[in-house]
Amino acid sequence: MGVMGIAEIMDRAVNIFKKRIGYFALFSLISGGIFIVLYYLITTPFSLLLLSFSEIWGLLLFIAVLFLILMIFAFSYAIGIMEIIRQDIFFNKLSVASAIASVFKNIPKTIAIVIINCILFFPLIAVYIFFLYYFDVVLSENIIIDLVTTDALYIIIFVILCLLGNIIFVAFMGFTLFCLFVVVEENCGIIDALNKALWLIKNEIFKILWSLTVIEMTVFSIYLSLISFSLIISGIIIAICMSFFKLNELMTTLLVLPLSLLNWSLSQITFLIIGILAIIMACLLCYNQKFKKEGYDIIIRLTQLENRKRSVKQ
């Protein structure tokens, strides 16, 4: 295992996923159940507390807190996936229990890093929101520009703003993942993790951002392809049944409902699989930076040899 290109990272991520799919599935099932329980335990009393606020401020506060909770859960889940990948890379004995333990052990650090990165990215997000508002007001109030030209400008600006928004999102998610990777890999403090993550991406920010964007586009394309295929198959089944069996409205509805439920279930499973693949790819990208900056692949190879010797002796 050495310095890899983006294609090699993706290929290795797929191999790790196929090899350890059982561990990923079990961890997802257990952690998902825990997160659902925690979500309702946190949000239910908080929702009642918000009733004492005004409608606007209460809604804004709820959205902000909900975003933080979802981000903390998402990154906590990523830590568990990282721990399984780490065990696989070092040829350690795989354990879902240790992955879950790592999640809860690092929850305080996860919360702190997510909040700190939200604060760091807030000025950028605020400027982005200002541009959204500014362009909407300017274009909506400009009555001199021809209608067709206005529509064209809307489309162009909408695409540009979507791209900028995606870049900010990928940068936030990527940097936070780098910080948490350092926490898992080196068991360090919050400030050390932030500094080490900055050092890992130093002088290669645009290259890493591009790699993360490629990963995002790849997994999103796979997700859309699978969901589209599922919907097309469902549409064909409905069309065939309506043509050959002359179904009435009630029977058609009874056919559509289970197919819709099946498609929804498949979309959730597909989203989970794609999410795991994205985390594995991002984690391998983090390892790749450590290989470049520290020669960490040599340390991994030596550790792998030691672990293999131990397993042979046992």
C-alpha atoms as a PDB file:
ATOM      1  CA  MET A   1       0.000   0.000   0.000  1.00  0.00           C
ATOM      2  CA  GLY A   2       1.558   3.285  -1.109  1.00  0.00           C
ATOM      3  CA  VAL A   3       0.701   6.670  -2.616  1.00  0.00           C
ATOM      4  CA  MET A   4      -2.399   6.262  -4.781  1.00  0.00           C
ATOM      5  CA  GLY A   5      -4.192   8.159  -7.525  1.00  0.00           C
ATOM      6  CA  ILE A   6      -7.904   8.912  -7.287  1.00  0.00           C
ATOM      7  CA  ALA A   7      -8.774   5.873  -9.462  1.00  0.00           C
ATOM      8  CA  GLU A   8      -6.698   3.579  -7.222  1.00  0.00           C
ATOM      9  CA  ILE A   9      -8.380   5.037  -4.131  1.00  0.00           C
ATOM     10  CA  MET A  10     -11.819   4.274  -5.563  1.00  0.00           C
ATOM     11  CA  ASP A  11     -10.817   0.770  -6.617  1.00  0.00           C
ATOM     12  CA  ARG A  12      -9.337  -0.034  -3.201  1.00  0.00           C
ATOM     13  CA  ALA A  13     -12.421   1.416  -1.474  1.00  0.00           C
ATOM     14  CA  VAL A  14     -14.694  -0.937  -3.437  1.00  0.00           C
ATOM     15  CA  ASN A  15     -12.459  -3.902  -2.521  1.00  0.00           C
ATOM     16  CA  ILE A  16     -12.531  -3.003   1.183  1.00  0.00           C
ATOM     17  CA  PHE A  17     -16.304  -2.599   1.051  1.00  0.00           C
ATOM     18  CA  LYS A  18     -16.816  -5.999  -0.604  1.00  0.00           C
ATOM     19  CA  LYS A  19     -14.413  -7.712   1.777  1.00  0.00           C
ATOM     20  CA  ARG A  20     -15.873  -6.212   4.964  1.00  0.00           C
ATOM     21  CA  ILE A  21     -19.507  -5.699   3.964  1.00  0.00           C
ATOM     22  CA  GLY A  22     -20.759  -7.801   6.888  1.00  0.00           C
ATOM     23  CA  TYR A  23     -18.968  -5.627   9.428  1.00  0.00           C
ATOM     24  CA  PHE A  24     -20.204  -2.427   7.799  1.00  0.00           C
ATOM     25  CA  ALA A  25     -23.786  -3.746   7.716  1.00  0.00           C
ATOM     26  CA  LEU A  26     -23.741  -4.832  11.381  1.00  0.00           C
ATOM     27  CA  PHE A  27     -22.184  -1.563  12.509  1.00  0.00           C
ATOM     28  CA  SER A  28     -24.726   0.437  10.476  1.00  0.00           C
ATOM     29  CA  LEU A  29     -27.617  -1.526  11.981  1.00  0.00           C
ATOM     30  CA  ILE A  30     -26.459  -1.093  15.595  1.00  0.00           C
ATOM     31  CA  SER A  31     -25.301   2.520  15.313  1.00  0.00           C
ATOM     32  CA  GLY A  32     -28.421   3.472  13.332  1.00  0.00           C
ATOM     33  CA  GLY A  33     -30.673   2.163  16.092  1.00  0.00           C
ATOM     34  CA  ILE A  34     -28.657   4.008  18.744  1.00  0.00           C
ATOM     35  CA  PHE A  35     -28.683   7.268  16.774  1.00  0.00           C
ATOM     36  CA  ILE A  36     -32.465   7.105  16.210  1.00  0.00           C
ATOM     37  CA  VAL A  37     -33.083   6.687  19.952  1.00  0.00           C
ATOM     38  CA  LEU A  38     -30.653   9.513  20.795  1.00  0.00           C
ATOM     39  CA  TYR A  39     -32.216  11.754  18.141  1.00  0.00           C
ATOM     40  CA  TYR A  40     -35.691  11.543  19.682  1.00  0.00           C
ATOM     41  CA  LEU A  41     -34.336  11.820  23.231  1.00  0.00           C
ATOM     42  CA  ILE A  42     -32.577  15.080  22.276  1.00  0.00           C
ATOM     43  CA  THR A  43     -35.059  16.705  19.898  1.00  0.00           C
ATOM     44  CA  THR A  44     -38.295  15.989  21.794  1.00  0.00           C
ATOM     45  CA  PRO A  45     -37.520  18.059  24.940  1.00  0.00           C
ATOM     46  CA  PHE A  46     -35.720  20.648  22.815  1.00  0.00           C
ATOM     47  CA  SER A  47     -38.816  21.082  20.607  1.00  0.00           C
ATOM     48  CA  LEU A  48     -40.927  21.689  23.719  1.00  0.00           C
ATOM     49  CA  LEU A  49     -38.375  24.248  24.951  1.00  0.00           C
ATOM     50  CA  LEU A  50     -38.607  26.163  21.651  1.00  0.00           C
ATOM     51  CA  LEU A  51     -42.295  26.864  22.277  1.00  0.00           C
ATOM     52  CA  SER A  52     -41.169  29.619  24.658  1.00  0.00           C
ATOM     53  CA  PHE A  53     -39.408  31.439  21.765  1.00  0.00           C
ATOM     54  CA  SER A  54     -41.022  33.557  19.081  1.00  0.00           C
ATOM     55  CA  GLU A  55     -42.033  31.713  15.925  1.00  0.00           C
ATOM     56  CA  ILE A  56     -39.204  32.989  13.688  1.00  0.00           C
ATOM     57  CA  TRP A  57     -36.366  32.704  16.224  1.00  0.00           C
ATOM     58  CA  GLY A  58     -37.654  29.364  17.424  1.00  0.00           C
ATOM     59  CA  LEU A  59     -37.675  28.002  13.865  1.00  0.00           C
ATOM     60  CA  LEU A  60     -34.180  29.321  13.090  1.00  0.00           C
ATOM     61  CA  LEU A  61     -32.799  27.931  16.347  1.00  0.00           C
ATOM     62  CA  PHE A  62     -34.451  24.561  15.692  1.00  0.00           C
ATOM     63  CA  ILE A  63     -32.961  24.398  12.173  1.00  0.00           C
ATOM     64  CA  ALA A  64     -29.482  25.299  13.484  1.00  0.00           C
ATOM     65  CA  VAL A  65     -29.595  22.728  16.295  1.00  0.00           C
ATOM     66  CA  LEU A  66     -31.080  20.066  14.014  1.00  0.00           C
ATOM     67  CA  PHE A  67     -28.267  20.674  11.513  1.00  0.00           C
ATOM     68  CA  LEU A  68     -25.651  20.308  14.265  1.00  0.00           C
ATOM     69  CA  ILE A  69     -27.245  17.104  15.578  1.00  0.00           C
ATOM     70  CA  LEU A  70     -27.411  15.547  12.115  1.00  0.00           C
ATOM     71  CA  MET A  71     -23.805  16.547  11.374  1.00  0.00           C
ATOM     72  CA  ILE A  72     -22.603  15.120  14.702  1.00  0.00           C
ATOM     73  CA  PHE A  73     -24.432  11.850  14.045  1.00  0.00           C
ATOM     74  CA  ALA A  74     -23.123  11.676  10.474  1.00  0.00           C
ATOM     75  CA  PHE A  75     -19.506  12.272  11.489  1.00  0.00           C
ATOM     76  CA  SER A  76     -19.819   9.939  14.476  1.00  0.00           C
ATOM     77  CA  TYR A  77     -20.983   7.258  12.044  1.00  0.00           C
ATOM     78  CA  ALA A  78     -17.975   8.092   9.829  1.00  0.00           C
ATOM     79  CA  ILE A  79     -15.646   7.537  12.807  1.00  0.00           C
ATOM     80  CA  GLY A  80     -16.983   4.000  13.221  1.00  0.00           C
ATOM     81  CA  ILE A  81     -16.424   3.271   9.513  1.00  0.00           C
ATOM     82  CA  MET A  82     -12.903   4.722   9.809  1.00  0.00           C
ATOM     83  CA  GLU A  83     -12.150   2.433  12.744  1.00  0.00           C
ATOM     84  CA  ILE A  84     -13.195  -0.657  10.738  1.00  0.00           C
ATOM     85  CA  ILE A  85     -11.014   0.510   7.815  1.00  0.00           C
ATOM     86  CA  ARG A  86      -8.105   1.072  10.213  1.00  0.00           C
ATOM     87  CA  GLN A  87      -8.466  -2.448  11.614  1.00  0.00           C
ATOM     88  CA  ASP A  88      -8.507  -3.846   8.080  1.00  0.00           C
ATOM     89  CA  ILE A  89      -5.441  -1.882   6.938  1.00  0.00           C
ATOM     90  CA  PHE A  90      -3.342  -2.893   9.952  1.00  0.00           C
ATOM     91  CA  PHE A  91      -4.565  -6.520   9.844  1.00  0.00           C
ATOM     92  CA  ASN A  92      -5.965  -6.177  13.343  1.00  0.00           C
ATOM     93  CA  LYS A  93      -8.785  -8.414  14.513  1.00  0.00           C
ATOM     94  CA  LEU A  94     -11.967  -6.836  13.203  1.00  0.00           C
ATOM     95  CA  SER A  95     -14.524  -5.908  15.840  1.00  0.00           C
ATOM     96  CA  VAL A  96     -17.779  -3.993  15.444  1.00  0.00           C
ATOM     97  CA  ALA A  97     -17.791  -3.465  19.221  1.00  0.00           C
ATOM     98  CA  SER A  98     -14.490  -1.559  19.039  1.00  0.00           C
ATOM     99  CA  ALA A  99     -15.899   0.593  16.205  1.00  0.00           C
ATOM    100  CA  ILE A 100     -18.940   1.497  18.317  1.00  0.00           C
ATOM    101  CA  ALA A 101     -16.683   2.107  21.330  1.00  0.00           C
ATOM    102  CA  SER A 102     -14.560   4.449  19.194  1.00  0.00           C
ATOM    103  CA  VAL A 103     -17.696   6.389  18.210  1.00  0.00           C
ATOM    104  CA  PHE A 104     -18.771   7.018  21.812  1.00  0.00           C
ATOM    105  CA  LYS A 105     -15.214   7.601  23.000  1.00  0.00           C
ATOM    106  CA  ASN A 106     -14.743  10.376  20.440  1.00  0.00           C
ATOM    107  CA  ILE A 107     -18.211  11.978  20.664  1.00  0.00           C
ATOM    108  CA  PRO A 108     -16.935  14.978  22.731  1.00  0.00           C
ATOM    109  CA  LYS A 109     -14.174  15.593  20.172  1.00  0.00           C
ATOM    110  CA  THR A 110     -16.627  15.129  17.302  1.00  0.00           C
ATOM    111  CA  ILE A 111     -19.021  17.698  18.778  1.00  0.00           C
ATOM    112  CA  ALA A 112     -16.193  20.176  19.366  1.00  0.00           C
ATOM    113  CA  ILE A 113     -14.699  19.761  15.875  1.00  0.00           C
ATOM    114  CA  VAL A 114     -18.083  20.074  14.140  1.00  0.00           C
ATOM    115  CA  ILE A 115     -18.914  23.256  16.083  1.00  0.00           C
ATOM    116  CA  ILE A 116     -15.442  24.760  15.496  1.00  0.00           C
ATOM    117  CA  ASN A 117     -15.603  24.035  11.756  1.00  0.00           C
ATOM    118  CA  CYS A 118     -19.136  25.474  11.561  1.00  0.00           C
ATOM    119  CA  ILE A 119     -17.744  28.677  13.127  1.00  0.00           C
ATOM    120  CA  LEU A 120     -14.739  28.672  10.763  1.00  0.00           C
ATOM    121  CA  PHE A 121     -16.945  28.237   7.693  1.00  0.00           C
ATOM    122  CA  PHE A 122     -19.699  30.583   8.881  1.00  0.00           C
ATOM    123  CA  PRO A 123     -18.220  33.772   7.253  1.00  0.00           C
ATOM    124  CA  LEU A 124     -17.984  31.928   3.927  1.00  0.00           C
ATOM    125  CA  ILE A 125     -21.548  30.647   4.257  1.00  0.00           C
ATOM    126  CA  ALA A 126     -22.784  34.125   5.247  1.00  0.00           C
ATOM    127  CA  VAL A 127     -21.176  35.671   2.136  1.00  0.00           C
ATOM    128  CA  TYR A 128     -22.726  32.920   0.006  1.00  0.00           C
ATOM    129  CA  ILE A 129     -26.201  33.591   1.461  1.00  0.00           C
ATOM    130  CA  PHE A 130     -25.705  37.324   0.820  1.00  0.00           C
ATOM    131  CA  PHE A 131     -24.945  36.627  -2.853  1.00  0.00           C
ATOM    132  CA  LEU A 132     -28.048  34.425  -3.106  1.00  0.00           C
ATOM    133  CA  TYR A 133     -30.208  37.216  -1.713  1.00  0.00           C
ATOM    134  CA  TYR A 134     -28.475  39.988  -3.680  1.00  0.00           C
ATOM    135  CA  PHE A 135     -28.769  38.327  -7.089  1.00  0.00           C
ATOM    136  CA  ASP A 136     -32.380  37.349  -6.449  1.00  0.00           C
ATOM    137  CA  VAL A 137     -33.309  40.931  -5.552  1.00  0.00           C
ATOM    138  CA  VAL A 138     -31.336  42.489  -8.434  1.00  0.00           C
ATOM    139  CA  LEU A 139     -32.726  40.169 -11.077  1.00  0.00           C
ATOM    140  CA  SER A 140     -36.299  40.299  -9.801  1.00  0.00           C
ATOM    141  CA  GLU A 141     -36.339  44.131  -9.692  1.00  0.00           C
ATOM    142  CA  ASN A 142     -34.533  44.738 -12.978  1.00  0.00           C
ATOM    143  CA  ILE A 143     -37.330  45.583 -15.410  1.00  0.00           C
ATOM    144  CA  ILE A 144     -35.021  46.937 -18.146  1.00  0.00           C
ATOM    145  CA  ILE A 145     -33.573  43.542 -19.115  1.00  0.00           C
ATOM    146  CA  ASP A 146     -35.513  41.557 -21.673  1.00  0.00           C
ATOM    147  CA  LEU A 147     -37.549  38.634 -20.267  1.00  0.00           C
ATOM    148  CA  VAL A 148     -35.578  35.991 -22.217  1.00  0.00           C
ATOM    149  CA  THR A 149     -32.284  37.533 -21.120  1.00  0.00           C
ATOM    150  CA  THR A 150     -33.498  37.601 -17.512  1.00  0.00           C
ATOM    151  CA  ASP A 151     -34.402  33.917 -17.670  1.00  0.00           C
ATOM    152  CA  ALA A 152     -30.993  33.118 -19.172  1.00  0.00           C
ATOM    153  CA  LEU A 153     -29.272  35.118 -16.422  1.00  0.00           C
ATOM    154  CA  TYR A 154     -31.283  33.290 -13.770  1.00  0.00           C
ATOM    155  CA  ILE A 155     -30.186  29.942 -15.176  1.00  0.00           C
ATOM    156  CA  ILE A 156     -26.519  30.930 -15.453  1.00  0.00           C
ATOM    157  CA  ILE A 157     -26.389  32.462 -11.974  1.00  0.00           C
ATOM    158  CA  PHE A 158     -28.367  29.551 -10.506  1.00  0.00           C
ATOM    159  CA  VAL A 159     -25.839  27.045 -11.915  1.00  0.00           C
ATOM    160  CA  ILE A 160     -22.871  29.120 -10.688  1.00  0.00           C
ATOM    161  CA  LEU A 161     -24.360  29.476  -7.209  1.00  0.00           C
ATOM    162  CA  CYS A 162     -25.136  25.759  -7.059  1.00  0.00           C
ATOM    163  CA  LEU A 163     -21.523  24.976  -7.938  1.00  0.00           C
ATOM    164  CA  LEU A 164     -20.226  27.431  -5.327  1.00  0.00           C
ATOM    165  CA  GLY A 165     -22.584  26.009  -2.711  1.00  0.00           C
ATOM    166  CA  ASN A 166     -21.414  22.494  -3.501  1.00  0.00           C
ATOM    167  CA  ILE A 167     -17.756  23.545  -3.231  1.00  0.00           C
ATOM    168  CA  ILE A 168     -18.382  25.045   0.222  1.00  0.00           C
ATOM    169  CA  PHE A 169     -20.257  21.912   1.312  1.00  0.00           C
ATOM    170  CA  VAL A 170     -17.507  19.567   0.044  1.00  0.00           C
ATOM    171  CA  ALA A 171     -14.812  21.722   1.681  1.00  0.00           C
ATOM    172  CA  PHE A 172     -16.635  21.668   5.047  1.00  0.00           C
ATOM    173  CA  MET A 173     -17.301  17.931   4.952  1.00  0.00           C
ATOM    174  CA  GLY A 174     -13.808  17.124   3.692  1.00  0.00           C
ATOM    175  CA  PHE A 175     -11.911  19.194   6.245  1.00  0.00           C
ATOM    176  CA  THR A 176     -14.063  17.860   9.102  1.00  0.00           C
ATOM    177  CA  LEU A 177     -13.399  14.297   7.935  1.00  0.00           C
ATOM    178  CA  PHE A 178      -9.667  15.020   7.818  1.00  0.00           C
ATOM    179  CA  CYS A 179      -9.812  16.309  11.412  1.00  0.00           C
ATOM    180  CA  LEU A 180     -11.720  13.254  12.631  1.00  0.00           C
ATOM    181  CA  PHE A 181      -9.385  10.947  10.715  1.00  0.00           C
ATOM    182  CA  VAL A 182      -6.468  12.405  12.657  1.00  0.00           C
ATOM    183  CA  VAL A 183      -8.416  11.920  15.908  1.00  0.00           C
ATOM    184  CA  VAL A 184      -9.037   8.231  15.120  1.00  0.00           C
ATOM    185  CA  GLU A 185      -5.587   7.513  13.712  1.00  0.00           C
ATOM    186  CA  GLU A 186      -3.456   9.376  16.253  1.00  0.00           C
ATOM    187  CA  ASN A 187      -5.801   9.618  19.262  1.00  0.00           C
ATOM    188  CA  CYS A 188      -4.891  13.294  19.692  1.00  0.00           C
ATOM    189  CA  GLY A 189      -6.655  16.338  21.070  1.00  0.00           C
ATOM    190  CA  ILE A 190      -8.946  18.747  19.248  1.00  0.00           C
ATOM    191  CA  ILE A 191      -6.400  21.504  18.549  1.00  0.00           C
ATOM    192  CA  ASP A 192      -3.760  18.987  17.496  1.00  0.00           C
ATOM    193  CA  ALA A 193      -6.272  17.369  15.129  1.00  0.00           C
ATOM    194  CA  LEU A 194      -7.132  20.724  13.529  1.00  0.00           C
ATOM    195  CA  ASN A 195      -3.453  21.636  13.129  1.00  0.00           C
ATOM    196  CA  LYS A 196      -2.528  18.207  11.741  1.00  0.00           C
ATOM    197  CA  ALA A 197      -5.457  18.267   9.292  1.00  0.00           C
ATOM    198  CA  LEU A 198      -4.358  21.696   8.051  1.00  0.00           C
ATOM    199  CA  TRP A 199      -0.804  20.392   7.667  1.00  0.00           C
ATOM    200  CA  LEU A 200      -1.990  17.354   5.698  1.00  0.00           C
ATOM    201  CA  ILE A 201      -3.859  19.470   3.149  1.00  0.00           C
ATOM    202  CA  LYS A 202      -1.308  22.304   3.052  1.00  0.00           C
ATOM    203  CA  ASN A 203      -0.150  23.171  -0.497  1.00  0.00           C
ATOM    204  CA  GLU A 204      -2.626  20.656  -1.974  1.00  0.00           C
ATOM    205  CA  ILE A 205      -5.978  22.193  -1.055  1.00  0.00           C
ATOM    206  CA  PHE A 206      -7.277  22.451  -4.631  1.00  0.00           C
ATOM    207  CA  LYS A 207      -6.086  18.948  -5.524  1.00  0.00           C
ATOM    208  CA  ILE A 208      -7.786  17.454  -2.452  1.00  0.00           C
ATOM    209  CA  LEU A 209     -10.929  19.496  -3.079  1.00  0.00           C
ATOM    210  CA  TRP A 210     -11.005  18.204  -6.648  1.00  0.00           C
ATOM    211  CA  SER A 211     -10.511  14.607  -5.436  1.00  0.00           C
ATOM    212  CA  LEU A 212     -13.366  14.975  -2.950  1.00  0.00           C
ATOM    213  CA  THR A 213     -15.574  16.458  -5.684  1.00  0.00           C
ATOM    214  CA  VAL A 214     -14.773  13.536  -7.981  1.00  0.00           C
ATOM    215  CA  ILE A 215     -15.678  11.122  -5.167  1.00  0.00           C
ATOM    216  CA  GLU A 216     -18.925  13.006  -4.568  1.00  0.00           C
ATOM    217  CA  MET A 217     -19.873  13.031  -8.258  1.00  0.00           C
ATOM    218  CA  THR A 218     -19.001   9.350  -8.655  1.00  0.00           C
ATOM    219  CA  VAL A 219     -21.045   8.048  -5.725  1.00  0.00           C
ATOM    220  CA  PHE A 220     -23.929  10.409  -6.532  1.00  0.00           C
ATOM    221  CA  SER A 221     -23.963   9.202 -10.140  1.00  0.00           C
ATOM    222  CA  ILE A 222     -24.031   5.582  -8.976  1.00  0.00           C
ATOM    223  CA  TYR A 223     -26.891   6.394  -6.599  1.00  0.00           C
ATOM    224  CA  LEU A 224     -28.937   8.134  -9.314  1.00  0.00           C
ATOM    225  CA  SER A 225     -28.292   5.295 -11.768  1.00  0.00           C
ATOM    226  CA  LEU A 226     -29.477   2.615  -9.343  1.00  0.00           C
ATOM    227  CA  ILE A 227     -32.550   4.596  -8.267  1.00  0.00           C
ATOM    228  CA  SER A 228     -33.436   5.404 -11.869  1.00  0.00           C
ATOM    229  CA  PHE A 229     -33.107   1.729 -12.811  1.00  0.00           C
ATOM    230  CA  SER A 230     -35.402   0.752  -9.923  1.00  0.00           C
ATOM    231  CA  LEU A 231     -38.037   3.332 -10.950  1.00  0.00           C
ATOM    232  CA  ILE A 232     -37.886   2.256 -14.596  1.00  0.00           C
ATOM    233  CA  ILE A 233     -38.410  -1.405 -13.647  1.00  0.00           C
ATOM    234  CA  SER A 234     -41.363  -0.421 -11.448  1.00  0.00           C
ATOM    235  CA  GLY A 235     -42.872   1.625 -14.289  1.00  0.00           C
ATOM    236  CA  ILE A 236     -42.485  -1.294 -16.707  1.00  0.00           C
ATOM    237  CA  ILE A 237     -44.160  -3.683 -14.233  1.00  0.00           C
ATOM    238  CA  ILE A 238     -47.103  -1.305 -13.775  1.00  0.00           C
ATOM    239  CA  ALA A 239     -47.445  -0.756 -17.543  1.00  0.00           C
ATOM    240  CA  ILE A 240     -47.399  -4.511 -18.256  1.00  0.00           C
ATOM    241  CA  CYS A 241     -49.956  -5.244 -15.529  1.00  0.00           C
ATOM    242  CA  MET A 242     -52.259  -2.472 -16.761  1.00  0.00           C
ATOM    243  CA  SER A 243     -52.002  -3.683 -20.369  1.00  0.00           C
ATOM    244  CA  PHE A 244     -52.466  -7.408 -19.848  1.00  0.00           C
ATOM    245  CA  PHE A 245     -54.739  -7.546 -16.797  1.00  0.00           C
ATOM    246  CA  LYS A 246     -56.898  -4.454 -17.493  1.00  0.00           C
ATOM    247  CA  LEU A 247     -56.505  -3.179 -13.925  1.00  0.00           C
ATOM    248  CA  ASN A 248     -59.016  -0.698 -12.572  1.00  0.00           C
ATOM    249  CA  GLU A 249     -58.057   2.347 -10.508  1.00  0.00           C
ATOM    250  CA  LEU A 250     -58.247   0.517  -7.166  1.00  0.00           C
ATOM    251  CA  MET A 251     -56.109  -2.428  -8.333  1.00  0.00           C
ATOM    252  CA  THR A 252     -53.570  -0.055  -9.875  1.00  0.00           C
ATOM    253  CA  THR A 253     -53.308   1.805  -6.563  1.00  0.00           C
ATOM    254  CA  LEU A 254     -52.839  -1.490  -4.696  1.00  0.00           C
ATOM    255  CA  LEU A 255     -50.038  -2.364  -7.113  1.00  0.00           C
ATOM    256  CA  VAL A 256     -48.343   1.035  -6.912  1.00  0.00           C
ATOM    257  CA  LEU A 257     -48.258   1.164  -3.090  1.00  0.00           C
ATOM    258  CA  PRO A 258     -46.040  -1.920  -2.512  1.00  0.00           C
ATOM    259  CA  LEU A 259     -43.803  -0.942  -5.434  1.00  0.00           C
ATOM    260  CA  SER A 260     -43.424   2.571  -3.963  1.00  0.00           C
ATOM    261  CA  LEU A 261     -42.556   1.075  -0.568  1.00  0.00           C
ATOM    262  CA  LEU A 262     -40.059  -1.270  -2.226  1.00  0.00           C
ATOM    263  CA  ASN A 263     -38.453   1.618  -4.142  1.00  0.00           C
ATOM    264  CA  TRP A 264     -38.233   3.688  -0.966  1.00  0.00           C
ATOM    265  CA  SER A 265     -36.564   0.793   0.894  1.00  0.00           C
ATOM    266  CA  LEU A 266     -34.125   0.228  -1.970  1.00  0.00           C
ATOM    267  CA  SER A 267     -33.311   3.950  -2.105  1.00  0.00           C
ATOM    268  CA  GLN A 268     -32.500   3.967   1.634  1.00  0.00           C
ATOM    269  CA  ILE A 269     -30.305   0.874   1.364  1.00  0.00           C
ATOM    270  CA  THR A 270     -28.602   2.289  -1.733  1.00  0.00           C
ATOM    271  CA  PHE A 271     -28.013   5.617   0.027  1.00  0.00           C
ATOM    272  CA  LEU A 272     -26.431   3.782   2.973  1.00  0.00           C
ATOM    273  CA  ILE A 273     -24.158   1.737   0.717  1.00  0.00           C
ATOM    274  CA  ILE A 274     -23.124   4.802  -1.275  1.00  0.00           C
ATOM    275  CA  GLY A 275     -22.504   6.697   1.980  1.00  0.00           C
ATOM    276  CA  ILE A 276     -20.208   3.955   3.271  1.00  0.00           C
ATOM    277  CA  LEU A 277     -18.312   3.907  -0.034  1.00  0.00           C
ATOM    278  CA  ALA A 278     -17.884   7.699   0.074  1.00  0.00           C
ATOM    279  CA  ILE A 279     -16.521   7.532   3.646  1.00  0.00           C
ATOM    280  CA  ILE A 280     -14.096   4.732   2.706  1.00  0.00           C
ATOM    281  CA  MET A 281     -12.841   6.737  -0.283  1.00  0.00           C
ATOM    282  CA  ALA A 282     -12.436   9.907   1.817  1.00  0.00           C
ATOM    283  CA  CYS A 283     -10.637   7.915   4.527  1.00  0.00           C
ATOM    284  CA  LEU A 284      -8.237   6.419   1.974  1.00  0.00           C
ATOM    285  CA  LEU A 285      -7.634   9.940   0.646  1.00  0.00           C
ATOM    286  CA  CYS A 286      -6.639  10.950   4.185  1.00  0.00           C
ATOM    287  CA  TYR A 287      -4.258   7.983   4.386  1.00  0.00           C
ATOM    288  CA  ASN A 288      -2.880   8.983   0.991  1.00  0.00           C
ATOM    289  CA  GLN A 289      -1.943  12.414   2.351  1.00  0.00           C
ATOM    290  CA  LYS A 290      -0.178  10.812   5.308  1.00  0.00           C
ATOM    291  CA  PHE A 291       1.717   8.591   2.866  1.00  0.00           C
ATOM    292  CA  LYS A 292       2.860  11.657   0.925  1.00  0.00           C
ATOM    293  CA  LYS A 293       3.736  13.835   3.910  1.00  0.00           C
ATOM    294  CA  GLU A 294       5.036  11.266   6.431  1.00  0.00           C
ATOM    295  CA  GLY A 295       5.871   8.087   4.551  1.00  0.00           C
ATOM    296  CA  TYR A 296       3.161   6.524   6.692  1.00  0.00           C
ATOM    297  CA  ASP A 297       2.775   3.606   4.276  1.00  0.00           C
ATOM    298  CA  ILE A 298       6.155   2.268   5.456  1.00  0.00           C
ATOM    299  CA  ILE A 299       4.917   2.279   9.058  1.00  0.00           C
ATOM    300  CA  ILE A 300       1.753   0.458   7.962  1.00  0.00           C
ATOM    301  CA  ARG A 301       3.748  -2.215   6.126  1.00  0.00           C
ATOM    302  CA  LEU A 302       5.958  -2.840   9.170  1.00  0.00           C
ATOM    303  CA  THR A 303       2.888  -3.056  11.405  1.00  0.00           C
ATOM    304  CA  GLN A 304       1.209  -5.431   8.965  1.00  0.00           C
ATOM    305  CA  LEU A 305       4.254  -7.726   9.053  1.00  0.00           C
ATOM    306  CA  GLU A 306       4.238  -7.733  12.858  1.00  0.00           C
ATOM    307  CA  ASN A 307       0.518  -8.528  12.987  1.00  0.00           C
ATOM    308  CA  ARG A 308       0.919 -11.313  10.427  1.00  0.00           C
ATOM    309  CA  LYS A 309       3.746 -12.864  12.463  1.00  0.00           C
ATOM    310  CA  ARG A 310       1.560 -12.776  15.572  1.00  0.00           C
ATOM    311  CA  SER A 311      -1.366 -14.380  13.767  1.00  0.00           C
ATOM    312  CA  VAL A 312       0.905 -17.165  12.407  1.00  0.00           C
ATOM    313  CA  LYS A 313       2.321 -17.889  15.881  1.00  0.00           C
ATOM    314  CA  GLN A 314      -1.178 -18.040  17.336  1.00  0.00           C
END
